[in-house]
Amino acid sequence: MLEWDSSSPSSGARQKMSAERLSSFFQSIFAAHPVDQLSFVCIGTDRSTGDALGPFLGTLLEQRGFPHVIGTLANPCDATNLAERVKTIPPHHIVVAVDACLGHPSMVGQYYVSCSPLKPAESVGGGLPEVGHYSVAAVVNVSGPKPYWTLQMTSLYHVMQMAEKIASAVDEGRRSCTIARE
């Protein structure tokens, strides 16, 4: 995978990024689209620690005042309702999809960002529809032969820390663009 190059945010390839560089990705999104026309789709369930990143992030984004968030701890967006929930997004909205994923041991704690859709449940063989104009996949644990077990055994603290870093990067990206426009 390529390292994120902030000079070319329009690339559709997945780009590896540390938490410290996530705000540049979100800043490029907010520079191109007003916040009231962005919908965040935070995919996952609160019934599996490794898959709780999406709902926890959605809750954090709502608490920070983002107006269009699908997938929270109170109302998760998971495999059972993803297709229906995505249909509720206004057609003129730009969608930022976020999901947890499994990966190589050296990638745990890293993020893959893209200016293209996310394929939810890819690490567990799910056949869910692609979601988003932009996407973030957070590597929460190591990929292995038993992905459901791995997700169940993933540290909730680690998942919460990763979700908090994404929420902070989203907020920082929004603030940077707001300041630049003033």
N, C-alpha and C. Protein backbone atom coordinates (compact mmCIF):
# COMPACT_ATOMS: atom_id res chain seq x y z
N MET A 1 0.83 -1.18 0.00
CA MET A 1 0.00 0.00 0.00
C MET A 1 0.88 1.24 0.00
N LEU A 2 0.35 2.31 -0.57
CA LEU A 2 1.07 3.56 -0.63
C LEU A 2 0.89 4.36 0.65
N GLU A 3 1.86 5.17 0.96
CA GLU A 3 1.71 6.13 2.05
C GLU A 3 0.81 7.25 1.57
N TRP A 4 0.06 7.84 2.47
CA TRP A 4 -0.82 8.97 2.14
C TRP A 4 0.02 10.12 1.64
N ASP A 5 -0.38 10.68 0.52
CA ASP A 5 0.28 11.85 -0.03
C ASP A 5 -0.75 12.96 -0.06
N SER A 6 -0.64 13.89 0.87
CA SER A 6 -1.66 14.93 0.99
C SER A 6 -1.74 15.82 -0.24
N SER A 7 -0.77 15.75 -1.11
CA SER A 7 -0.83 16.56 -2.33
C SER A 7 -1.71 15.91 -3.39
N SER A 8 -2.08 14.64 -3.19
CA SER A 8 -2.94 13.97 -4.16
C SER A 8 -4.09 13.23 -3.47
N PRO A 9 -4.98 13.96 -2.77
CA PRO A 9 -6.06 13.30 -2.04
C PRO A 9 -7.13 12.69 -2.93
N SER A 10 -7.09 12.94 -4.23
CA SER A 10 -8.14 12.41 -5.09
C SER A 10 -7.87 10.98 -5.55
N SER A 11 -6.74 10.43 -5.19
CA SER A 11 -6.42 9.07 -5.58
C SER A 11 -7.44 8.10 -5.01
N GLY A 12 -7.89 7.12 -5.80
CA GLY A 12 -8.87 6.16 -5.34
C GLY A 12 -8.25 4.97 -4.63
N ALA A 13 -6.92 4.84 -4.64
CA ALA A 13 -6.26 3.72 -4.00
C ALA A 13 -6.31 3.86 -2.48
N ARG A 14 -6.33 2.74 -1.81
CA ARG A 14 -6.24 2.76 -0.35
C ARG A 14 -4.83 3.19 0.04
N GLN A 15 -4.76 4.07 1.01
CA GLN A 15 -3.47 4.58 1.43
C GLN A 15 -3.32 4.39 2.93
N LYS A 16 -2.19 3.82 3.33
CA LYS A 16 -1.91 3.59 4.74
C LYS A 16 -1.61 4.91 5.43
N MET A 17 -2.14 5.04 6.64
CA MET A 17 -1.96 6.30 7.35
C MET A 17 -1.95 6.05 8.85
N SER A 18 -1.11 6.77 9.55
CA SER A 18 -1.12 6.74 11.02
C SER A 18 -2.19 7.71 11.51
N ALA A 19 -2.53 7.60 12.78
CA ALA A 19 -3.55 8.47 13.36
C ALA A 19 -3.16 9.94 13.26
N GLU A 20 -1.87 10.22 13.37
CA GLU A 20 -1.40 11.60 13.34
C GLU A 20 -1.64 12.28 11.99
N ARG A 21 -1.81 11.51 10.95
CA ARG A 21 -1.98 12.09 9.62
C ARG A 21 -3.42 12.06 9.12
N LEU A 22 -4.32 11.48 9.90
CA LEU A 22 -5.72 11.37 9.49
C LEU A 22 -6.39 12.72 9.25
N SER A 23 -6.03 13.73 10.03
CA SER A 23 -6.71 15.02 9.89
C SER A 23 -6.50 15.61 8.50
N SER A 24 -5.36 15.32 7.85
CA SER A 24 -5.14 15.85 6.49
C SER A 24 -6.13 15.22 5.50
N PHE A 25 -6.46 13.96 5.70
CA PHE A 25 -7.45 13.29 4.86
C PHE A 25 -8.81 13.96 5.04
N PHE A 26 -9.21 14.16 6.28
CA PHE A 26 -10.51 14.79 6.54
C PHE A 26 -10.52 16.26 6.14
N GLN A 27 -9.41 16.93 6.28
CA GLN A 27 -9.34 18.33 5.85
C GLN A 27 -9.61 18.42 4.34
N SER A 28 -9.07 17.48 3.56
CA SER A 28 -9.31 17.50 2.12
C SER A 28 -10.79 17.26 1.80
N ILE A 29 -11.46 16.45 2.61
CA ILE A 29 -12.89 16.21 2.40
C ILE A 29 -13.69 17.47 2.72
N PHE A 30 -13.42 18.09 3.86
CA PHE A 30 -14.14 19.31 4.24
C PHE A 30 -13.82 20.48 3.32
N ALA A 31 -12.65 20.50 2.72
CA ALA A 31 -12.31 21.55 1.76
C ALA A 31 -13.16 21.42 0.49
N ALA A 32 -13.54 20.20 0.15
CA ALA A 32 -14.30 19.95 -1.07
C ALA A 32 -15.81 19.91 -0.87
N HIS A 33 -16.27 19.69 0.37
CA HIS A 33 -17.70 19.49 0.61
C HIS A 33 -18.12 20.16 1.92
N PRO A 34 -19.25 20.87 1.93
CA PRO A 34 -19.74 21.46 3.19
C PRO A 34 -20.20 20.37 4.16
N VAL A 35 -20.00 20.61 5.44
CA VAL A 35 -20.32 19.62 6.47
C VAL A 35 -21.79 19.22 6.43
N ASP A 36 -22.69 20.14 6.07
CA ASP A 36 -24.11 19.79 6.06
C ASP A 36 -24.50 18.91 4.88
N GLN A 37 -23.55 18.64 3.97
CA GLN A 37 -23.81 17.72 2.86
C GLN A 37 -22.97 16.44 2.97
N LEU A 38 -22.41 16.21 4.16
CA LEU A 38 -21.64 14.99 4.42
C LEU A 38 -22.44 14.07 5.33
N SER A 39 -22.48 12.80 4.99
CA SER A 39 -23.06 11.79 5.86
C SER A 39 -21.96 10.81 6.24
N PHE A 40 -21.84 10.54 7.54
CA PHE A 40 -20.88 9.56 8.02
C PHE A 40 -21.62 8.26 8.27
N VAL A 41 -21.16 7.18 7.64
CA VAL A 41 -21.74 5.86 7.86
C VAL A 41 -20.71 5.06 8.63
N CYS A 42 -21.02 4.82 9.90
CA CYS A 42 -20.10 4.16 10.83
C CYS A 42 -20.58 2.73 11.04
N ILE A 43 -19.91 1.80 10.38
CA ILE A 43 -20.38 0.43 10.26
C ILE A 43 -19.84 -0.44 11.39
N GLY A 44 -20.71 -1.28 11.94
CA GLY A 44 -20.30 -2.23 12.97
C GLY A 44 -21.41 -2.49 13.95
N THR A 45 -21.07 -3.27 14.97
CA THR A 45 -22.05 -3.64 15.99
C THR A 45 -21.45 -3.47 17.38
N ASP A 46 -22.29 -3.20 18.33
CA ASP A 46 -21.83 -3.09 19.71
C ASP A 46 -21.78 -4.47 20.40
N ARG A 47 -22.05 -5.52 19.65
CA ARG A 47 -22.07 -6.87 20.22
C ARG A 47 -20.76 -7.63 20.03
N SER A 48 -19.77 -6.97 19.45
CA SER A 48 -18.46 -7.57 19.24
C SER A 48 -17.42 -6.47 19.46
N THR A 49 -16.50 -6.69 20.38
CA THR A 49 -15.57 -5.60 20.72
C THR A 49 -14.79 -5.11 19.51
N GLY A 50 -14.32 -5.99 18.66
CA GLY A 50 -13.54 -5.58 17.50
C GLY A 50 -14.35 -4.85 16.46
N ASP A 51 -15.64 -5.11 16.43
CA ASP A 51 -16.50 -4.49 15.43
C ASP A 51 -17.25 -3.29 15.99
N ALA A 52 -16.93 -2.87 17.21
CA ALA A 52 -17.62 -1.75 17.84
C ALA A 52 -17.03 -0.39 17.47
N LEU A 53 -15.95 -0.38 16.68
CA LEU A 53 -15.33 0.88 16.30
C LEU A 53 -16.32 1.81 15.61
N GLY A 54 -17.07 1.31 14.64
CA GLY A 54 -18.02 2.14 13.90
C GLY A 54 -19.07 2.78 14.80
N PRO A 55 -19.81 1.98 15.58
CA PRO A 55 -20.83 2.58 16.44
C PRO A 55 -20.26 3.54 17.49
N PHE A 56 -19.08 3.21 18.02
CA PHE A 56 -18.48 4.11 19.00
C PHE A 56 -18.09 5.42 18.33
N LEU A 57 -17.50 5.34 17.14
CA LEU A 57 -17.15 6.56 16.39
C LEU A 57 -18.40 7.36 16.07
N GLY A 58 -19.46 6.72 15.61
CA GLY A 58 -20.69 7.43 15.30
C GLY A 58 -21.24 8.19 16.49
N THR A 59 -21.17 7.57 17.66
CA THR A 59 -21.61 8.24 18.89
C THR A 59 -20.74 9.46 19.18
N LEU A 60 -19.43 9.32 19.03
CA LEU A 60 -18.51 10.45 19.25
C LEU A 60 -18.79 11.59 18.27
N LEU A 61 -19.04 11.25 17.01
CA LEU A 61 -19.32 12.29 16.01
C LEU A 61 -20.63 13.02 16.33
N GLU A 62 -21.65 12.28 16.74
CA GLU A 62 -22.90 12.92 17.14
C GLU A 62 -22.67 13.86 18.32
N GLN A 63 -21.90 13.41 19.30
CA GLN A 63 -21.61 14.23 20.47
C GLN A 63 -20.86 15.50 20.10
N ARG A 64 -20.10 15.45 19.01
CA ARG A 64 -19.33 16.62 18.56
C ARG A 64 -20.12 17.50 17.59
N GLY A 65 -21.37 17.17 17.40
CA GLY A 65 -22.25 18.03 16.63
C GLY A 65 -22.33 17.78 15.14
N PHE A 66 -21.83 16.66 14.68
CA PHE A 66 -21.96 16.36 13.25
C PHE A 66 -23.40 15.95 12.97
N PRO A 67 -24.03 16.59 11.98
CA PRO A 67 -25.48 16.45 11.82
C PRO A 67 -25.96 15.16 11.16
N HIS A 68 -25.15 14.52 10.35
CA HIS A 68 -25.62 13.36 9.58
C HIS A 68 -24.73 12.16 9.86
N VAL A 69 -25.13 11.38 10.86
CA VAL A 69 -24.36 10.20 11.26
C VAL A 69 -25.28 8.99 11.27
N ILE A 70 -24.87 7.95 10.58
CA ILE A 70 -25.59 6.68 10.60
C ILE A 70 -24.66 5.67 11.25
N GLY A 71 -25.15 4.99 12.30
CA GLY A 71 -24.36 3.99 13.01
C GLY A 71 -23.79 4.54 14.30
N THR A 72 -24.51 4.31 15.39
CA THR A 72 -24.08 4.74 16.72
C THR A 72 -24.25 3.56 17.68
N LEU A 73 -23.80 3.73 18.91
CA LEU A 73 -24.01 2.66 19.90
C LEU A 73 -25.49 2.42 20.14
N ALA A 74 -26.28 3.49 20.14
CA ALA A 74 -27.72 3.35 20.37
C ALA A 74 -28.44 2.75 19.17
N ASN A 75 -27.91 2.97 17.97
CA ASN A 75 -28.57 2.54 16.75
C ASN A 75 -27.52 2.12 15.73
N PRO A 76 -26.90 0.93 15.92
CA PRO A 76 -25.81 0.50 15.04
C PRO A 76 -26.24 0.28 13.59
N CYS A 77 -25.27 0.43 12.71
CA CYS A 77 -25.44 0.13 11.28
C CYS A 77 -24.56 -1.08 11.00
N ASP A 78 -25.19 -2.24 10.88
CA ASP A 78 -24.43 -3.48 10.74
C ASP A 78 -24.92 -4.29 9.54
N ALA A 79 -24.46 -5.52 9.44
CA ALA A 79 -24.80 -6.36 8.28
C ALA A 79 -26.30 -6.55 8.12
N THR A 80 -27.06 -6.50 9.19
CA THR A 80 -28.50 -6.76 9.11
C THR A 80 -29.29 -5.57 8.57
N ASN A 81 -28.74 -4.36 8.66
CA ASN A 81 -29.52 -3.19 8.25
C ASN A 81 -28.76 -2.20 7.37
N LEU A 82 -27.55 -2.52 6.99
CA LEU A 82 -26.72 -1.59 6.22
C LEU A 82 -27.41 -1.11 4.95
N ALA A 83 -27.89 -2.01 4.14
CA ALA A 83 -28.49 -1.63 2.85
C ALA A 83 -29.68 -0.68 3.05
N GLU A 84 -30.52 -0.97 4.03
CA GLU A 84 -31.68 -0.11 4.29
C GLU A 84 -31.27 1.25 4.84
N ARG A 85 -30.29 1.27 5.71
CA ARG A 85 -29.85 2.54 6.32
C ARG A 85 -29.21 3.45 5.27
N VAL A 86 -28.45 2.88 4.36
CA VAL A 86 -27.79 3.68 3.32
C VAL A 86 -28.82 4.32 2.39
N LYS A 87 -29.94 3.65 2.18
CA LYS A 87 -31.01 4.20 1.33
C LYS A 87 -31.61 5.48 1.90
N THR A 88 -31.44 5.71 3.19
CA THR A 88 -32.02 6.90 3.82
C THR A 88 -31.15 8.16 3.63
N ILE A 89 -29.97 8.00 3.08
CA ILE A 89 -29.07 9.14 2.88
C ILE A 89 -29.56 9.97 1.70
N PRO A 90 -29.68 11.28 1.87
CA PRO A 90 -30.10 12.12 0.74
C PRO A 90 -29.17 11.93 -0.45
N PRO A 91 -29.72 11.90 -1.66
CA PRO A 91 -28.90 11.61 -2.85
C PRO A 91 -27.78 12.62 -3.11
N HIS A 92 -27.93 13.85 -2.64
CA HIS A 92 -26.89 14.86 -2.89
C HIS A 92 -25.78 14.83 -1.84
N HIS A 93 -25.89 13.96 -0.84
CA HIS A 93 -24.88 13.88 0.20
C HIS A 93 -23.65 13.10 -0.26
N ILE A 94 -22.52 13.51 0.26
CA ILE A 94 -21.26 12.80 0.08
C ILE A 94 -21.11 11.91 1.32
N VAL A 95 -20.78 10.64 1.10
CA VAL A 95 -20.74 9.67 2.18
C VAL A 95 -19.30 9.32 2.54
N VAL A 96 -19.02 9.39 3.83
CA VAL A 96 -17.75 8.94 4.39
C VAL A 96 -18.06 7.67 5.18
N ALA A 97 -17.56 6.53 4.72
CA ALA A 97 -17.81 5.25 5.38
C ALA A 97 -16.61 4.86 6.23
N VAL A 98 -16.90 4.33 7.42
CA VAL A 98 -15.83 3.92 8.34
C VAL A 98 -16.18 2.53 8.87
N ASP A 99 -15.18 1.66 8.93
CA ASP A 99 -15.38 0.32 9.45
C ASP A 99 -14.07 -0.18 10.06
N ALA A 100 -14.17 -1.13 10.96
CA ALA A 100 -13.01 -1.80 11.50
C ALA A 100 -12.59 -2.90 10.52
N CYS A 101 -11.33 -3.28 10.56
CA CYS A 101 -10.89 -4.40 9.75
C CYS A 101 -9.74 -5.12 10.44
N LEU A 102 -9.41 -6.28 9.92
CA LEU A 102 -8.29 -7.07 10.40
C LEU A 102 -7.17 -6.99 9.38
N GLY A 103 -5.93 -7.14 9.82
CA GLY A 103 -4.82 -7.04 8.89
C GLY A 103 -3.55 -7.71 9.40
N HIS A 104 -2.47 -7.47 8.71
CA HIS A 104 -1.15 -7.99 9.05
C HIS A 104 -0.74 -7.45 10.42
N PRO A 105 0.00 -8.22 11.21
CA PRO A 105 0.40 -7.74 12.55
C PRO A 105 1.06 -6.37 12.56
N SER A 106 1.83 -6.06 11.54
CA SER A 106 2.51 -4.75 11.50
C SER A 106 1.55 -3.60 11.21
N MET A 107 0.33 -3.92 10.80
CA MET A 107 -0.64 -2.88 10.43
C MET A 107 -1.62 -2.55 11.55
N VAL A 108 -1.65 -3.33 12.62
CA VAL A 108 -2.60 -3.09 13.70
C VAL A 108 -2.36 -1.69 14.27
N GLY A 109 -3.44 -0.94 14.38
CA GLY A 109 -3.36 0.44 14.86
C GLY A 109 -3.24 1.46 13.74
N GLN A 110 -3.13 1.00 12.51
CA GLN A 110 -3.03 1.89 11.35
C GLN A 110 -4.41 2.03 10.70
N TYR A 111 -4.49 2.95 9.77
CA TYR A 111 -5.74 3.24 9.06
C TYR A 111 -5.47 3.19 7.56
N TYR A 112 -6.46 2.71 6.81
CA TYR A 112 -6.41 2.78 5.36
C TYR A 112 -7.50 3.74 4.93
N VAL A 113 -7.13 4.77 4.22
CA VAL A 113 -8.09 5.76 3.75
C VAL A 113 -8.15 5.70 2.23
N SER A 114 -9.28 6.14 1.70
CA SER A 114 -9.46 6.11 0.26
C SER A 114 -10.51 7.11 -0.18
N CYS A 115 -10.36 7.58 -1.38
CA CYS A 115 -11.37 8.42 -2.02
C CYS A 115 -12.21 7.52 -2.91
N SER A 116 -12.63 6.41 -2.33
CA SER A 116 -13.47 5.43 -3.02
C SER A 116 -14.26 4.66 -1.96
N PRO A 117 -15.23 3.84 -2.38
CA PRO A 117 -16.09 3.14 -1.41
C PRO A 117 -15.34 2.13 -0.54
N LEU A 118 -15.99 1.81 0.55
CA LEU A 118 -15.52 0.79 1.49
C LEU A 118 -16.28 -0.50 1.20
N LYS A 119 -15.62 -1.63 1.37
CA LYS A 119 -16.29 -2.93 1.23
C LYS A 119 -16.45 -3.52 2.63
N PRO A 120 -17.61 -3.30 3.26
CA PRO A 120 -17.81 -3.78 4.64
C PRO A 120 -17.74 -5.30 4.73
N ALA A 121 -17.26 -5.76 5.87
CA ALA A 121 -17.19 -7.19 6.21
C ALA A 121 -16.28 -7.98 5.28
N GLU A 122 -15.37 -7.30 4.62
CA GLU A 122 -14.47 -7.97 3.69
C GLU A 122 -13.60 -9.02 4.40
N SER A 123 -13.15 -8.72 5.63
CA SER A 123 -12.27 -9.64 6.33
C SER A 123 -13.00 -10.88 6.85
N VAL A 124 -14.31 -10.85 6.92
CA VAL A 124 -15.07 -12.02 7.38
C VAL A 124 -15.89 -12.64 6.25
N GLY A 125 -15.62 -12.24 5.02
CA GLY A 125 -16.27 -12.85 3.87
C GLY A 125 -17.69 -12.39 3.62
N GLY A 126 -18.07 -11.25 4.14
CA GLY A 126 -19.42 -10.74 3.95
C GLY A 126 -19.65 -10.25 2.54
N GLY A 127 -20.86 -10.34 2.06
CA GLY A 127 -21.21 -9.89 0.73
C GLY A 127 -22.04 -8.63 0.77
N LEU A 128 -21.61 -7.66 1.55
CA LEU A 128 -22.38 -6.42 1.71
C LEU A 128 -22.06 -5.44 0.59
N PRO A 129 -22.98 -4.52 0.31
CA PRO A 129 -22.73 -3.54 -0.76
C PRO A 129 -21.63 -2.54 -0.37
N GLU A 130 -20.92 -2.06 -1.37
CA GLU A 130 -19.92 -1.02 -1.14
C GLU A 130 -20.62 0.25 -0.67
N VAL A 131 -19.93 1.01 0.19
CA VAL A 131 -20.51 2.20 0.77
C VAL A 131 -19.50 3.34 0.73
N GLY A 132 -19.97 4.52 0.33
CA GLY A 132 -19.17 5.72 0.50
C GLY A 132 -18.52 6.27 -0.74
N HIS A 133 -18.27 7.56 -0.68
CA HIS A 133 -17.44 8.24 -1.66
C HIS A 133 -16.01 8.28 -1.16
N TYR A 134 -15.89 8.32 0.17
CA TYR A 134 -14.61 8.27 0.88
C TYR A 134 -14.72 7.16 1.91
N SER A 135 -13.57 6.61 2.32
CA SER A 135 -13.64 5.53 3.30
C SER A 135 -12.41 5.49 4.19
N VAL A 136 -12.65 4.95 5.39
CA VAL A 136 -11.58 4.71 6.36
C VAL A 136 -11.78 3.30 6.91
N ALA A 137 -10.73 2.50 6.84
CA ALA A 137 -10.73 1.17 7.44
C ALA A 137 -9.67 1.17 8.53
N ALA A 138 -10.08 0.91 9.77
CA ALA A 138 -9.18 0.91 10.91
C ALA A 138 -8.78 -0.52 11.23
N VAL A 139 -7.48 -0.80 11.22
CA VAL A 139 -7.00 -2.16 11.48
C VAL A 139 -6.94 -2.36 13.00
N VAL A 140 -7.93 -3.08 13.52
CA VAL A 140 -8.08 -3.23 14.97
C VAL A 140 -7.39 -4.48 15.53
N ASN A 141 -7.11 -5.45 14.66
CA ASN A 141 -6.46 -6.67 15.13
C ASN A 141 -5.88 -7.43 13.94
N VAL A 142 -5.25 -8.55 14.24
CA VAL A 142 -4.55 -9.37 13.26
C VAL A 142 -5.54 -10.28 12.52
N SER A 143 -5.37 -10.36 11.21
CA SER A 143 -6.18 -11.26 10.40
C SER A 143 -5.70 -12.69 10.63
N GLY A 144 -6.64 -13.61 10.70
CA GLY A 144 -6.28 -15.01 10.91
C GLY A 144 -7.37 -15.93 10.41
N PRO A 145 -7.24 -17.21 10.73
CA PRO A 145 -8.20 -18.19 10.21
C PRO A 145 -9.60 -18.10 10.83
N LYS A 146 -9.74 -17.44 11.98
CA LYS A 146 -11.03 -17.34 12.64
C LYS A 146 -11.37 -15.87 12.89
N PRO A 147 -11.79 -15.14 11.84
CA PRO A 147 -11.99 -13.70 11.98
C PRO A 147 -13.06 -13.31 13.00
N TYR A 148 -14.15 -14.07 13.11
CA TYR A 148 -15.19 -13.72 14.08
C TYR A 148 -14.66 -13.84 15.51
N TRP A 149 -13.88 -14.89 15.77
CA TRP A 149 -13.28 -15.08 17.08
C TRP A 149 -12.30 -13.95 17.37
N THR A 150 -11.50 -13.61 16.37
CA THR A 150 -10.52 -12.53 16.54
C THR A 150 -11.23 -11.22 16.89
N LEU A 151 -12.30 -10.90 16.19
CA LEU A 151 -13.04 -9.67 16.49
C LEU A 151 -13.62 -9.71 17.91
N GLN A 152 -14.10 -10.87 18.34
CA GLN A 152 -14.64 -11.00 19.70
C GLN A 152 -13.57 -10.81 20.76
N MET A 153 -12.34 -11.18 20.45
CA MET A 153 -11.25 -11.14 21.42
C MET A 153 -10.41 -9.86 21.31
N THR A 154 -10.82 -8.93 20.49
CA THR A 154 -10.10 -7.68 20.31
C THR A 154 -10.32 -6.77 21.51
N SER A 155 -9.27 -6.08 21.92
CA SER A 155 -9.34 -5.19 23.07
C SER A 155 -10.31 -4.04 22.82
N LEU A 156 -11.32 -3.90 23.68
CA LEU A 156 -12.25 -2.79 23.57
C LEU A 156 -11.53 -1.47 23.79
N TYR A 157 -10.57 -1.45 24.69
CA TYR A 157 -9.81 -0.23 24.95
C TYR A 157 -9.09 0.22 23.67
N HIS A 158 -8.48 -0.71 22.97
CA HIS A 158 -7.77 -0.39 21.72
C HIS A 158 -8.75 0.15 20.68
N VAL A 159 -9.89 -0.48 20.55
CA VAL A 159 -10.91 -0.04 19.59
C VAL A 159 -11.40 1.37 19.94
N MET A 160 -11.65 1.61 21.22
CA MET A 160 -12.11 2.93 21.65
C MET A 160 -11.05 4.00 21.38
N GLN A 161 -9.79 3.67 21.60
CA GLN A 161 -8.71 4.62 21.33
C GLN A 161 -8.65 4.96 19.84
N MET A 162 -8.79 3.95 18.99
CA MET A 162 -8.76 4.19 17.55
C MET A 162 -9.95 5.03 17.11
N ALA A 163 -11.13 4.76 17.65
CA ALA A 163 -12.32 5.55 17.31
C ALA A 163 -12.15 7.00 17.76
N GLU A 164 -11.60 7.19 18.93
CA GLU A 164 -11.37 8.54 19.45
C GLU A 164 -10.39 9.30 18.55
N LYS A 165 -9.38 8.62 18.05
CA LYS A 165 -8.40 9.27 17.16
C LYS A 165 -9.06 9.67 15.84
N ILE A 166 -9.94 8.84 15.32
CA ILE A 166 -10.65 9.19 14.09
C ILE A 166 -11.55 10.39 14.35
N ALA A 167 -12.31 10.36 15.45
CA ALA A 167 -13.21 11.48 15.77
C ALA A 167 -12.44 12.78 15.92
N SER A 168 -11.30 12.71 16.58
CA SER A 168 -10.47 13.92 16.74
C SER A 168 -9.96 14.42 15.40
N ALA A 169 -9.57 13.50 14.52
CA ALA A 169 -9.09 13.89 13.19
C ALA A 169 -10.21 14.51 12.36
N VAL A 170 -11.42 13.96 12.45
CA VAL A 170 -12.56 14.53 11.74
C VAL A 170 -12.80 15.96 12.23
N ASP A 171 -12.82 16.11 13.54
CA ASP A 171 -13.05 17.42 14.14
C ASP A 171 -11.95 18.42 13.75
N GLU A 172 -10.71 17.98 13.80
CA GLU A 172 -9.59 18.85 13.43
C GLU A 172 -9.66 19.23 11.95
N GLY A 173 -10.01 18.28 11.10
CA GLY A 173 -10.16 18.57 9.68
C GLY A 173 -11.24 19.60 9.42
N ARG A 174 -12.35 19.48 10.13
CA ARG A 174 -13.45 20.44 10.00
C ARG A 174 -13.00 21.82 10.48
N ARG A 175 -12.35 21.88 11.64
CA ARG A 175 -11.89 23.16 12.19
C ARG A 175 -10.90 23.84 11.26
N SER A 176 -9.98 23.08 10.70
CA SER A 176 -8.98 23.65 9.79
C SER A 176 -9.64 24.30 8.57
N CYS A 177 -10.65 23.65 8.03
CA CYS A 177 -11.34 24.21 6.87
C CYS A 177 -12.19 25.39 7.25
N THR A 178 -12.79 25.37 8.42
CA THR A 178 -13.60 26.50 8.88
C THR A 178 -12.72 27.74 9.05
N ILE A 179 -11.57 27.56 9.65
CA ILE A 179 -10.62 28.68 9.85
C ILE A 179 -10.14 29.21 8.51
N ALA A 180 -9.84 28.30 7.58
CA ALA A 180 -9.33 28.72 6.26
C ALA A 180 -10.37 29.51 5.48
N ARG A 181 -11.67 29.19 5.68
CA ARG A 181 -12.74 29.88 4.95
C ARG A 181 -13.05 31.26 5.52
N GLU A 182 -12.67 31.49 6.80
CA GLU A 182 -13.00 32.76 7.45
C GLU A 182 -12.04 33.87 7.06
